[in-house]
C-alpha atoms as a PDB file:
ATOM      1  CA  MET A   1       0.000   0.000   0.000  1.00  0.00           C
ATOM      2  CA  ALA A   2       1.100   3.570  -0.676  1.00  0.00           C
ATOM      3  CA  TRP A   3       1.178   4.599   3.004  1.00  0.00           C
ATOM      4  CA  ARG A   4       3.966   2.107   3.692  1.00  0.00           C
ATOM      5  CA  LYS A   5       6.374   4.186   1.596  1.00  0.00           C
ATOM      6  CA  GLY A   6       5.935   7.190   3.862  1.00  0.00           C
ATOM      7  CA  ILE A   7       6.415   5.655   7.324  1.00  0.00           C
ATOM      8  CA  GLN A   8       9.972   5.745   8.616  1.00  0.00           C
ATOM      9  CA  ILE A   9      10.573   3.846  11.854  1.00  0.00           C
ATOM     10  CA  PHE A  10      13.951   4.056  13.566  1.00  0.00           C
ATOM     11  CA  ALA A  11      15.230   2.386  16.732  1.00  0.00           C
ATOM     12  CA  GLY A  12      17.341   3.569  19.612  1.00  0.00           C
ATOM     13  CA  SER A  13      20.012   1.297  21.044  1.00  0.00           C
ATOM     14  CA  THR A  14      17.581  -0.634  23.273  1.00  0.00           C
ATOM     15  CA  GLY A  15      14.522  -0.409  21.034  1.00  0.00           C
ATOM     16  CA  GLY A  16      15.795  -2.453  18.096  1.00  0.00           C
ATOM     17  CA  ALA A  17      13.949  -5.739  18.675  1.00  0.00           C
ATOM     18  CA  PHE A  18      10.649  -4.000  19.448  1.00  0.00           C
ATOM     19  CA  ALA A  19      10.982  -1.671  16.447  1.00  0.00           C
ATOM     20  CA  GLN A  20      11.737  -4.646  14.180  1.00  0.00           C
ATOM     21  CA  ARG A  21       8.572  -6.403  15.387  1.00  0.00           C
ATOM     22  CA  MET A  22       6.625  -3.242  14.562  1.00  0.00           C
ATOM     23  CA  CYS A  23       8.169  -3.140  11.098  1.00  0.00           C
ATOM     24  CA  ASP A  24       7.457  -6.836  10.516  1.00  0.00           C
ATOM     25  CA  TYR A  25       3.815  -6.228  11.398  1.00  0.00           C
ATOM     26  CA  LEU A  26       3.554  -3.214   9.087  1.00  0.00           C
ATOM     27  CA  LYS A  27       5.716  -4.848   6.390  1.00  0.00           C
ATOM     28  CA  VAL A  28       8.097  -1.884   6.207  1.00  0.00           C
ATOM     29  CA  ASP A  29      11.877  -1.634   6.508  1.00  0.00           C
ATOM     30  CA  LEU A  30      13.516  -0.463   9.716  1.00  0.00           C
ATOM     31  CA  GLY A  31      15.377   2.815   9.232  1.00  0.00           C
ATOM     32  CA  LYS A  32      19.160   2.758   9.181  1.00  0.00           C
ATOM     33  CA  SER A  33      20.826   4.432  12.144  1.00  0.00           C
ATOM     34  CA  GLN A  34      23.729   4.143  14.550  1.00  0.00           C
ATOM     35  CA  ALA A  35      24.050   4.653  18.303  1.00  0.00           C
ATOM     36  CA  LYS A  36      27.130   4.079  20.414  1.00  0.00           C
ATOM     37  CA  ILE A  37      28.611   4.990  23.764  1.00  0.00           C
ATOM     38  CA  PHE A  38      32.243   6.107  23.807  1.00  0.00           C
ATOM     39  CA  SER A  39      34.689   4.818  26.392  1.00  0.00           C
ATOM     40  CA  GLU A  40      34.231   7.815  28.702  1.00  0.00           C
ATOM     41  CA  GLY A  41      30.426   7.412  28.636  1.00  0.00           C
ATOM     42  CA  ASN A  42      29.398   9.941  25.960  1.00  0.00           C
ATOM     43  CA  THR A  43      26.432   8.931  23.775  1.00  0.00           C
ATOM     44  CA  PHE A  44      26.611   9.370  19.982  1.00  0.00           C
ATOM     45  CA  VAL A  45      23.728   8.939  17.500  1.00  0.00           C
ATOM     46  CA  ARG A  46      23.618   9.216  13.708  1.00  0.00           C
ATOM     47  CA  ILE A  47      20.904   8.783  11.064  1.00  0.00           C
ATOM     48  CA  LEU A  48      22.187   6.803   8.085  1.00  0.00           C
ATOM     49  CA  GLU A  49      19.527   7.755   5.529  1.00  0.00           C
ATOM     50  CA  THR A  50      17.656  10.888   4.511  1.00  0.00           C
ATOM     51  CA  VAL A  51      14.619  11.931   6.546  1.00  0.00           C
ATOM     52  CA  ARG A  52      14.019  15.323   4.946  1.00  0.00           C
ATOM     53  CA  ALA A  53      10.276  16.157   4.927  1.00  0.00           C
ATOM     54  CA  LYS A  54       9.473  12.704   6.368  1.00  0.00           C
ATOM     55  CA  ASP A  55       7.271  11.653   9.308  1.00  0.00           C
ATOM     56  CA  VAL A  56       9.694   9.861  11.606  1.00  0.00           C
ATOM     57  CA  PHE A  57       8.984   7.483  14.517  1.00  0.00           C
ATOM     58  CA  LEU A  58      11.807   6.746  16.981  1.00  0.00           C
ATOM     59  CA  VAL A  59      11.369   3.644  19.183  1.00  0.00           C
ATOM     60  CA  GLN A  60      13.163   3.613  22.532  1.00  0.00           C
ATOM     61  CA  PRO A  61      11.959   2.559  26.011  1.00  0.00           C
ATOM     62  CA  ILE A  62      13.166   4.260  29.172  1.00  0.00           C
ATOM     63  CA  GLY A  63      13.647   1.050  31.113  1.00  0.00           C
ATOM     64  CA  LEU A  64      16.652  -0.951  32.273  1.00  0.00           C
ATOM     65  CA  LYS A  65      19.169   1.817  31.488  1.00  0.00           C
ATOM     66  CA  PRO A  66      16.929   4.811  32.164  1.00  0.00           C
ATOM     67  CA  ASN A  67      19.540   7.575  32.247  1.00  0.00           C
ATOM     68  CA  ASP A  68      21.321   6.434  29.066  1.00  0.00           C
ATOM     69  CA  GLU A  69      18.038   5.721  27.254  1.00  0.00           C
ATOM     70  CA  PHE A  70      16.475   9.033  28.212  1.00  0.00           C
ATOM     71  CA  THR A  71      19.581  10.971  27.135  1.00  0.00           C
ATOM     72  CA  GLU A  72      19.704   9.054  23.858  1.00  0.00           C
ATOM     73  CA  ILE A  73      16.095   9.988  23.094  1.00  0.00           C
ATOM     74  CA  LEU A  74      16.995  13.667  23.456  1.00  0.00           C
ATOM     75  CA  PHE A  75      19.879  13.303  20.994  1.00  0.00           C
ATOM     76  CA  TRP A  76      17.685  11.423  18.513  1.00  0.00           C
ATOM     77  CA  MET A  77      14.999  14.102  18.647  1.00  0.00           C
ATOM     78  CA  ASP A  78      17.630  16.755  17.977  1.00  0.00           C
ATOM     79  CA  ALA A  79      19.245  14.751  15.171  1.00  0.00           C
ATOM     80  CA  PHE A  80      15.958  14.190  13.326  1.00  0.00           C
ATOM     81  CA  LYS A  81      14.950  17.837  13.639  1.00  0.00           C
ATOM     82  CA  ARG A  82      18.354  19.014  12.371  1.00  0.00           C
ATOM     83  CA  ALA A  83      18.009  16.561   9.464  1.00  0.00           C
ATOM     84  CA  SER A  84      14.788  18.392   8.465  1.00  0.00           C
ATOM     85  CA  ALA A  85      12.273  15.684   9.348  1.00  0.00           C
ATOM     86  CA  LYS A  86       8.697  16.872   8.853  1.00  0.00           C
ATOM     87  CA  SER A  87       7.612  15.476  12.226  1.00  0.00           C
ATOM     88  CA  VAL A  88       9.213  13.372  14.946  1.00  0.00           C
ATOM     89  CA  THR A  89       7.253  11.021  17.183  1.00  0.00           C
ATOM     90  CA  ALA A  90       8.909   9.473  20.237  1.00  0.00           C
ATOM     91  CA  VAL A  91       7.588   5.920  20.640  1.00  0.00           C
ATOM     92  CA  ILE A  92       8.381   5.031  24.261  1.00  0.00           C
ATOM     93  CA  PRO A  93       6.879   1.611  25.114  1.00  0.00           C
ATOM     94  CA  TYR A  94       7.873   2.063  28.763  1.00  0.00           C
ATOM     95  CA  PHE A  95       8.318   5.553  30.221  1.00  0.00           C
ATOM     96  CA  GLY A  96      10.245   4.651  33.376  1.00  0.00           C
ATOM     97  CA  TYR A  97      10.428   8.139  34.866  1.00  0.00           C
ATOM     98  CA  ALA A  98       6.624   8.328  34.928  1.00  0.00           C
ATOM     99  CA  LYS A  99       6.975   6.924  38.453  1.00  0.00           C
ATOM    100  CA  GLY A 100       8.209  10.392  39.472  1.00  0.00           C
ATOM    101  CA  ASP A 101       4.777  11.945  38.941  1.00  0.00           C
ATOM    102  CA  LYS A 102       4.269  14.032  42.095  1.00  0.00           C
ATOM    103  CA  LYS A 103       5.978  15.951  44.895  1.00  0.00           C
ATOM    104  CA  ASP A 104       4.918  13.827  47.850  1.00  0.00           C
ATOM    105  CA  GLU A 105       8.026  14.495  49.966  1.00  0.00           C
ATOM    106  CA  PRO A 106       9.914  17.697  50.767  1.00  0.00           C
ATOM    107  CA  ARG A 107      12.671  18.806  48.395  1.00  0.00           C
ATOM    108  CA  VAL A 108      12.225  16.164  45.672  1.00  0.00           C
ATOM    109  CA  SER A 109      12.041  16.485  41.900  1.00  0.00           C
ATOM    110  CA  ILE A 110       8.949  15.700  39.834  1.00  0.00           C
ATOM    111  CA  ARG A 111      11.115  13.619  37.514  1.00  0.00           C
ATOM    112  CA  GLY A 112       8.372  12.694  35.042  1.00  0.00           C
ATOM    113  CA  ARG A 113       7.685  16.356  34.313  1.00  0.00           C
ATOM    114  CA  VAL A 114      11.383  17.143  33.829  1.00  0.00           C
ATOM    115  CA  CYS A 115      11.781  14.263  31.362  1.00  0.00           C
ATOM    116  CA  ALA A 116       8.592  15.134  29.490  1.00  0.00           C
ATOM    117  CA  GLU A 117       9.586  18.775  29.054  1.00  0.00           C
ATOM    118  CA  SER A 118      13.109  17.812  27.967  1.00  0.00           C
ATOM    119  CA  ILE A 119      11.897  15.345  25.316  1.00  0.00           C
ATOM    120  CA  GLU A 120       9.488  17.921  23.952  1.00  0.00           C
ATOM    121  CA  LEU A 121      12.071  20.725  23.927  1.00  0.00           C
ATOM    122  CA  ALA A 122      14.530  18.439  22.129  1.00  0.00           C
ATOM    123  CA  GLY A 123      12.099  18.170  19.222  1.00  0.00           C
ATOM    124  CA  ALA A 124       9.354  15.604  19.831  1.00  0.00           C
ATOM    125  CA  ASP A 125       6.110  16.575  18.094  1.00  0.00           C
ATOM    126  CA  ARG A 126       4.207  13.633  19.546  1.00  0.00           C
ATOM    127  CA  VAL A 127       4.675  10.808  22.050  1.00  0.00           C
ATOM    128  CA  VAL A 128       3.284   7.276  21.990  1.00  0.00           C
ATOM    129  CA  THR A 129       3.593   5.246  25.184  1.00  0.00           C
ATOM    130  CA  MET A 130       1.801   2.535  27.175  1.00  0.00           C
ATOM    131  CA  ASP A 131       0.502   2.167  30.723  1.00  0.00           C
ATOM    132  CA  LEU A 132       1.990   5.204  32.387  1.00  0.00           C
ATOM    133  CA  HIS A 133       2.231   4.849  36.160  1.00  0.00           C
ATOM    134  CA  SER A 134      -0.288   7.705  36.391  1.00  0.00           C
ATOM    135  CA  PRO A 135      -2.417   9.035  33.494  1.00  0.00           C
ATOM    136  CA  GLN A 136      -1.704  12.580  34.694  1.00  0.00           C
ATOM    137  CA  VAL A 137       1.827  12.261  33.286  1.00  0.00           C
ATOM    138  CA  GLN A 138       0.273  12.971  29.880  1.00  0.00           C
ATOM    139  CA  GLY A 139      -0.316  16.489  31.179  1.00  0.00           C
ATOM    140  CA  PHE A 140       3.424  16.990  31.641  1.00  0.00           C
ATOM    141  CA  PHE A 141       3.646  17.226  27.839  1.00  0.00           C
ATOM    142  CA  LYS A 142       2.231  20.040  25.755  1.00  0.00           C
ATOM    143  CA  CYS A 143       2.401  17.956  22.566  1.00  0.00           C
ATOM    144  CA  PRO A 144      -0.145  15.166  21.842  1.00  0.00           C
ATOM    145  CA  VAL A 145       0.363  11.930  23.806  1.00  0.00           C
ATOM    146  CA  ASP A 146      -1.197   8.648  22.691  1.00  0.00           C
ATOM    147  CA  HIS A 147      -1.470   6.593  25.876  1.00  0.00           C
ATOM    148  CA  LEU A 148      -2.000   2.945  24.926  1.00  0.00           C
ATOM    149  CA  PHE A 149      -3.048   0.173  27.306  1.00  0.00           C
ATOM    150  CA  GLY A 150      -1.729  -3.358  27.628  1.00  0.00           C
ATOM    151  CA  ALA A 151      -4.849  -4.698  29.392  1.00  0.00           C
ATOM    152  CA  PRO A 152      -6.848  -5.493  26.225  1.00  0.00           C
ATOM    153  CA  ILE A 153      -4.071  -7.707  24.832  1.00  0.00           C
ATOM    154  CA  LEU A 154      -3.071  -9.211  28.207  1.00  0.00           C
ATOM    155  CA  SER A 155      -6.685 -10.051  29.058  1.00  0.00           C
ATOM    156  CA  GLU A 156      -7.124 -11.768  25.693  1.00  0.00           C
ATOM    157  CA  TYR A 157      -4.063 -13.897  26.451  1.00  0.00           C
ATOM    158  CA  ILE A 158      -5.406 -14.787  29.902  1.00  0.00           C
ATOM    159  CA  LYS A 159      -8.597 -16.030  28.235  1.00  0.00           C
ATOM    160  CA  THR A 160      -6.529 -18.611  26.346  1.00  0.00           C
ATOM    161  CA  LEU A 161      -5.165 -20.160  29.582  1.00  0.00           C
ATOM    162  CA  GLY A 162      -8.375 -21.925  30.558  1.00  0.00           C
ATOM    163  CA  LEU A 163      -8.222 -20.869  34.215  1.00  0.00           C
ATOM    164  CA  GLY A 164     -11.836 -21.684  34.981  1.00  0.00           C
ATOM    165  CA  GLU A 165     -13.252 -19.602  37.834  1.00  0.00           C
ATOM    166  CA  PHE A 166     -10.744 -16.982  38.987  1.00  0.00           C
ATOM    167  CA  SER A 167     -10.471 -13.501  40.453  1.00  0.00           C
ATOM    168  CA  VAL A 168      -8.389 -10.462  39.507  1.00  0.00           C
ATOM    169  CA  VAL A 169      -6.341  -9.048  42.381  1.00  0.00           C
ATOM    170  CA  ALA A 170      -5.265  -5.420  42.840  1.00  0.00           C
ATOM    171  CA  PRO A 171      -1.956  -5.387  44.791  1.00  0.00           C
ATOM    172  CA  ASP A 172      -2.935  -2.106  46.463  1.00  0.00           C
ATOM    173  CA  ALA A 173      -5.809   0.339  46.703  1.00  0.00           C
ATOM    174  CA  GLY A 174      -4.109   2.678  44.232  1.00  0.00           C
ATOM    175  CA  PHE A 175      -4.478   0.112  41.433  1.00  0.00           C
ATOM    176  CA  ALA A 176      -8.042  -0.888  42.353  1.00  0.00           C
ATOM    177  CA  LYS A 177      -9.704   1.089  39.541  1.00  0.00           C
ATOM    178  CA  GLU A 178      -7.447  -0.450  36.890  1.00  0.00           C
ATOM    179  CA  ALA A 179      -7.925  -3.924  38.386  1.00  0.00           C
ATOM    180  CA  ARG A 180     -11.709  -3.540  38.265  1.00  0.00           C
ATOM    181  CA  SER A 181     -11.465  -2.528  34.615  1.00  0.00           C
ATOM    182  CA  PHE A 182      -9.248  -5.548  33.931  1.00  0.00           C
ATOM    183  CA  ALA A 183     -11.718  -7.813  35.747  1.00  0.00           C
ATOM    184  CA  GLY A 184     -14.557  -6.278  33.772  1.00  0.00           C
ATOM    185  CA  ARG A 185     -12.930  -7.368  30.525  1.00  0.00           C
ATOM    186  CA  LEU A 186     -12.697 -10.911  31.859  1.00  0.00           C
ATOM    187  CA  LYS A 187     -16.096 -10.830  33.623  1.00  0.00           C
ATOM    188  CA  VAL A 188     -14.646 -12.029  36.946  1.00  0.00           C
ATOM    189  CA  PRO A 189     -14.649 -10.665  40.543  1.00  0.00           C
ATOM    190  CA  THR A 190     -12.045  -8.266  41.945  1.00  0.00           C
ATOM    191  CA  ILE A 191      -9.989  -8.682  45.130  1.00  0.00           C
ATOM    192  CA  ILE A 192      -8.182  -5.670  46.623  1.00  0.00           C
ATOM    193  CA  CYS A 193      -5.085  -5.793  48.821  1.00  0.00           C
ATOM    194  CA  ASP A 194      -4.232  -3.024  51.244  1.00  0.00           C
ATOM    195  CA  LYS A 195      -0.477  -2.534  51.475  1.00  0.00           C
ATOM    196  CA  THR A 196       1.922  -0.018  52.938  1.00  0.00           C
ATOM    197  CA  ARG A 197       5.478   0.887  52.010  1.00  0.00           C
ATOM    198  CA  HIS A 198       7.754   2.389  54.663  1.00  0.00           C
ATOM    199  CA  GLY A 199      10.594   3.620  52.456  1.00  0.00           C
ATOM    200  CA  HIS A 200      12.244   3.456  49.029  1.00  0.00           C
ATOM    201  CA  ASP A 201      13.546  -0.103  49.503  1.00  0.00           C
ATOM    202  CA  GLU A 202      10.892  -1.620  47.175  1.00  0.00           C
ATOM    203  CA  LYS A 203       9.506  -3.716  50.058  1.00  0.00           C
ATOM    204  CA  ALA A 204       5.798  -3.714  50.801  1.00  0.00           C
ATOM    205  CA  GLU A 205       3.770  -4.951  53.785  1.00  0.00           C
ATOM    206  CA  ILE A 206       0.326  -6.441  53.100  1.00  0.00           C
ATOM    207  CA  LEU A 207      -2.148  -5.253  55.736  1.00  0.00           C
ATOM    208  CA  GLU A 208      -5.467  -6.688  54.540  1.00  0.00           C
ATOM    209  CA  VAL A 209      -7.103  -8.572  51.656  1.00  0.00           C
ATOM    210  CA  ILE A 210     -10.650  -7.571  50.650  1.00  0.00           C
ATOM    211  CA  GLY A 211     -12.557 -10.315  48.858  1.00  0.00           C
ATOM    212  CA  THR A 212     -12.945 -14.098  48.746  1.00  0.00           C
ATOM    213  CA  VAL A 213      -9.650 -15.901  48.130  1.00  0.00           C
ATOM    214  CA  SER A 214     -10.068 -19.454  49.443  1.00  0.00           C
ATOM    215  CA  ASN A 215     -10.008 -22.200  46.772  1.00  0.00           C
ATOM    216  CA  ARG A 216      -9.817 -19.667  43.935  1.00  0.00           C
ATOM    217  CA  THR A 217      -7.248 -19.003  41.252  1.00  0.00           C
ATOM    218  CA  CYS A 218      -5.993 -15.433  41.672  1.00  0.00           C
ATOM    219  CA  VAL A 219      -4.503 -13.223  38.942  1.00  0.00           C
ATOM    220  CA  ILE A 220      -2.554 -10.281  40.385  1.00  0.00           C
ATOM    221  CA  VAL A 221      -2.463  -7.334  37.963  1.00  0.00           C
ATOM    222  CA  ASP A 222      -0.216  -4.270  38.107  1.00  0.00           C
ATOM    223  CA  ASP A 223       1.382  -1.762  35.755  1.00  0.00           C
ATOM    224  CA  PHE A 224       5.009  -2.709  36.438  1.00  0.00           C
ATOM    225  CA  THR A 225       7.344  -4.670  38.679  1.00  0.00           C
ATOM    226  CA  ILE A 226      10.966  -3.797  39.421  1.00  0.00           C
ATOM    227  CA  SER A 227      12.097  -6.268  42.088  1.00  0.00           C
ATOM    228  CA  GLY A 228       9.012  -8.484  42.174  1.00  0.00           C
ATOM    229  CA  GLY A 229       8.691  -7.745  45.903  1.00  0.00           C
ATOM    230  CA  THR A 230       5.071  -6.603  45.947  1.00  0.00           C
ATOM    231  CA  LEU A 231       3.869  -9.400  43.660  1.00  0.00           C
ATOM    232  CA  ILE A 232       5.673 -12.035  45.722  1.00  0.00           C
ATOM    233  CA  GLU A 233       4.370 -10.697  49.054  1.00  0.00           C
ATOM    234  CA  VAL A 234       0.813 -10.499  47.720  1.00  0.00           C
ATOM    235  CA  ALA A 235       1.091 -14.031  46.293  1.00  0.00           C
ATOM    236  CA  LYS A 236       2.286 -15.357  49.664  1.00  0.00           C
ATOM    237  CA  GLU A 237      -0.591 -13.670  51.458  1.00  0.00           C
ATOM    238  CA  LEU A 238      -3.101 -15.060  48.960  1.00  0.00           C
ATOM    239  CA  LYS A 239      -1.687 -18.568  49.373  1.00  0.00           C
ATOM    240  CA  ASP A 240      -1.805 -18.243  53.158  1.00  0.00           C
ATOM    241  CA  ARG A 241      -5.483 -17.373  52.833  1.00  0.00           C
ATOM    242  CA  GLY A 242      -6.211 -20.472  50.772  1.00  0.00           C
ATOM    243  CA  ALA A 243      -5.755 -19.425  47.143  1.00  0.00           C
ATOM    244  CA  LYS A 244      -5.534 -22.439  44.831  1.00  0.00           C
ATOM    245  CA  ARG A 245      -3.215 -20.888  42.221  1.00  0.00           C
ATOM    246  CA  VAL A 246      -1.561 -17.480  41.879  1.00  0.00           C
ATOM    247  CA  ILE A 247      -0.652 -15.895  38.537  1.00  0.00           C
ATOM    248  CA  ALA A 248       0.778 -12.400  38.089  1.00  0.00           C
ATOM    249  CA  CYS A 249       0.232 -10.106  35.118  1.00  0.00           C
ATOM    250  CA  VAL A 250       2.069  -6.783  34.598  1.00  0.00           C
ATOM    251  CA  SER A 251       2.558  -4.497  31.626  1.00  0.00           C
ATOM    252  CA  HIS A 252       6.261  -3.836  32.274  1.00  0.00           C
ATOM    253  CA  ALA A 253       8.751  -6.239  33.906  1.00  0.00           C
ATOM    254  CA  LEU A 254      12.148  -4.856  34.940  1.00  0.00           C
ATOM    255  CA  LEU A 255      13.282  -7.870  36.968  1.00  0.00           C
ATOM    256  CA  ASN A 256      17.022  -8.506  37.188  1.00  0.00           C
ATOM    257  CA  LYS A 257      18.733 -11.839  38.004  1.00  0.00           C
ATOM    258  CA  ASP A 258      17.962 -11.532  41.716  1.00  0.00           C
ATOM    259  CA  GLY A 259      14.333 -10.685  40.980  1.00  0.00           C
ATOM    260  CA  ILE A 260      13.993 -13.665  38.625  1.00  0.00           C
ATOM    261  CA  GLU A 261      15.472 -15.987  41.269  1.00  0.00           C
ATOM    262  CA  LYS A 262      12.967 -14.693  43.827  1.00  0.00           C
ATOM    263  CA  LEU A 263      10.184 -15.252  41.283  1.00  0.00           C
ATOM    264  CA  ARG A 264      11.330 -18.842  40.751  1.00  0.00           C
ATOM    265  CA  ASN A 265      11.169 -19.489  44.500  1.00  0.00           C
ATOM    266  CA  SER A 266       7.862 -17.716  45.029  1.00  0.00           C
ATOM    267  CA  ASP A 267       4.205 -18.804  45.129  1.00  0.00           C
ATOM    268  CA  ILE A 268       3.672 -17.208  41.696  1.00  0.00           C
ATOM    269  CA  GLU A 269       3.001 -19.953  39.175  1.00  0.00           C
ATOM    270  CA  MET A 270       3.370 -17.728  36.105  1.00  0.00           C
ATOM    271  CA  LEU A 271       4.245 -14.099  35.331  1.00  0.00           C
ATOM    272  CA  ILE A 272       2.622 -12.669  32.214  1.00  0.00           C
ATOM    273  CA  THR A 273       4.057  -9.448  30.816  1.00  0.00           C
ATOM    274  CA  THR A 274       4.730  -7.594  27.561  1.00  0.00           C
ATOM    275  CA  ASP A 275       7.826  -6.898  25.473  1.00  0.00           C
ATOM    276  CA  SER A 276       7.750  -3.156  26.259  1.00  0.00           C
ATOM    277  CA  ILE A 277      11.272  -3.661  27.651  1.00  0.00           C
ATOM    278  CA  GLU A 278      13.840  -5.949  26.027  1.00  0.00           C
ATOM    279  CA  ASN A 279      14.575  -7.835  29.244  1.00  0.00           C
ATOM    280  CA  HIS A 280      16.425 -11.071  28.506  1.00  0.00           C
ATOM    281  CA  GLU A 281      16.273 -12.180  32.136  1.00  0.00           C
ATOM    282  CA  VAL A 282      12.481 -12.179  31.884  1.00  0.00           C
ATOM    283  CA  ILE A 283      12.291 -13.664  28.385  1.00  0.00           C
ATOM    284  CA  ASN A 284      14.523 -16.594  29.348  1.00  0.00           C
ATOM    285  CA  CYS A 285      12.705 -17.481  32.590  1.00  0.00           C
ATOM    286  CA  GLU A 286      10.555 -20.623  32.474  1.00  0.00           C
ATOM    287  CA  LYS A 287       7.946 -18.977  34.733  1.00  0.00           C
ATOM    288  CA  THR A 288       7.293 -16.019  32.417  1.00  0.00           C
ATOM    289  CA  ARG A 289       5.174 -15.477  29.321  1.00  0.00           C
ATOM    290  CA  VAL A 290       6.111 -12.371  27.302  1.00  0.00           C
ATOM    291  CA  ILE A 291       3.345 -11.204  24.945  1.00  0.00           C
ATOM    292  CA  SER A 292       4.261  -8.767  22.190  1.00  0.00           C
ATOM    293  CA  VAL A 293       2.498  -5.397  22.095  1.00  0.00           C
ATOM    294  CA  ALA A 294       4.556  -4.316  19.072  1.00  0.00           C
ATOM    295  CA  PRO A 295       1.503  -4.840  16.785  1.00  0.00           C
ATOM    296  CA  LEU A 296      -0.487  -2.480  19.037  1.00  0.00           C
ATOM    297  CA  PHE A 297       2.176   0.220  18.695  1.00  0.00           C
ATOM    298  CA  ALA A 298       2.553  -0.487  14.973  1.00  0.00           C
ATOM    299  CA  ASP A 299      -1.164   0.008  14.413  1.00  0.00           C
ATOM    300  CA  ALA A 300      -1.050   3.227  16.446  1.00  0.00           C
ATOM    301  CA  VAL A 301       1.813   4.477  14.255  1.00  0.00           C
ATOM    302  CA  ARG A 302      -0.132   3.570  11.102  1.00  0.00           C
ATOM    303  CA  ARG A 303      -3.202   5.417  12.358  1.00  0.00           C
ATOM    304  CA  ILE A 304      -1.181   8.495  13.353  1.00  0.00           C
ATOM    305  CA  TYR A 305       0.501   8.602   9.948  1.00  0.00           C
ATOM    306  CA  MET A 306      -2.822   8.188   8.107  1.00  0.00           C
ATOM    307  CA  ASN A 307      -4.664  10.675  10.389  1.00  0.00           C
ATOM    308  CA  ILE A 308      -7.033   7.967  11.654  1.00  0.00           C
ATOM    309  CA  THR A 309      -8.347   7.960  15.215  1.00  0.00           C
ATOM    310  CA  VAL A 310      -6.172   6.067  17.703  1.00  0.00           C
ATOM    311  CA  SER A 311      -8.813   5.968  20.453  1.00  0.00           C
ATOM    312  CA  GLU A 312     -10.290   2.754  19.016  1.00  0.00           C
ATOM    313  CA  LEU A 313      -7.214   0.962  20.395  1.00  0.00           C
ATOM    314  CA  PHE A 314      -7.751   2.190  23.961  1.00  0.00           C
ATOM    315  CA  ASP A 315     -10.732   0.090  25.007  1.00  0.00           C
ATOM    316  CA  HIS A 316     -10.494  -3.088  22.979  1.00  0.00           C
ATOM    317  CA  THR A 317      -8.107  -5.153  20.908  1.00  0.00           C
ATOM    318  CA  PRO A 318      -8.984  -5.390  17.193  1.00  0.00           C
ATOM    319  CA  ILE A 319      -9.789  -8.932  16.102  1.00  0.00           C
ATOM    320  CA  TYR A 320      -6.803  -9.027  13.750  1.00  0.00           C
ATOM    321  CA  MET A 321      -4.489  -8.509  16.747  1.00  0.00           C
ATOM    322  CA  ILE A 322      -6.231 -11.174  18.833  1.00  0.00           C
ATOM    323  CA  GLU A 323      -5.698 -13.646  16.029  1.00  0.00           C
ATOM    324  CA  ASN A 324      -1.966 -12.814  16.042  1.00  0.00           C
ATOM    325  CA  LEU A 325      -1.172 -12.934  19.779  1.00  0.00           C
ATOM    326  CA  LYS A 326       2.483 -13.948  19.966  1.00  0.00           C
ATOM    327  CA  GLU A 327       4.819 -14.915  22.782  1.00  0.00           C
ATOM    328  CA  VAL A 328       8.313 -13.433  22.522  1.00  0.00           C
ATOM    329  CA  LYS A 329      11.139 -15.966  22.599  1.00  0.00           C
ATOM    330  CA  GLU A 330      14.909 -15.627  22.371  1.00  0.00           C
END
């Protein structure tokens, strides 16, 4: 089709695999580019083909190497603008600094706002991302933000598991609204955990569980996990209260080797997540299932380029994506 000739998708240093999956879905070629880090730590980027008067999409998460990845996005935005691109869209499958969305302690930075303003000032005309820690982060940008959701695709995958009767579990009250929405897609009950966190050590204490747990399969849902601590503590509490099986489902998984080892030794039978971050520790773990959301982003890019509404992707997954649900393997 003619539109395929106009889309130019490029990848940052940690967005290559995801960008290639997008290109495979759209049947377009990945743009030629180069990114490297010099021995003293400086980042260098270069576009290896013309982008003059083109609509450009740069794919790069802010995930496992957040400072390097964020800085690289700024340099890419600048490079594309200086190369006379018509428009530049930052495709950020995981916006890690969205966790810094408020000033809830004295003398701290609202990191999400700083990053958003910097990306925009560097040249981004638009941003496409998924499952921000708080929807309000969209307001940190002045340019349009297409905020996609992993729940439609993840819930469709859960339907294929044949779990029988089960409940969706919110790991804390703050995620209760999203958990209810997730449960609504699956037409199952919701359980809510009440937790507290005493510091920045990523450890949570479960205070109460609201809902019937005994002899039920429980699916814990959350937007992201870094250490796995909350998921593991919630799973233990659910098991102690008589849960039959415990499965976890998150949009973004940043687990390192220690986190994966804790997952292996936990009460969590399976962790379902997306490929928003190229995390080989997660992909290679026998307890995980990584579902690609690259087609979701690819379709969003196609719609943006063709000036078609993107909002149709927010509430449901198109049938052609359901038919092509794919697990990511090494």
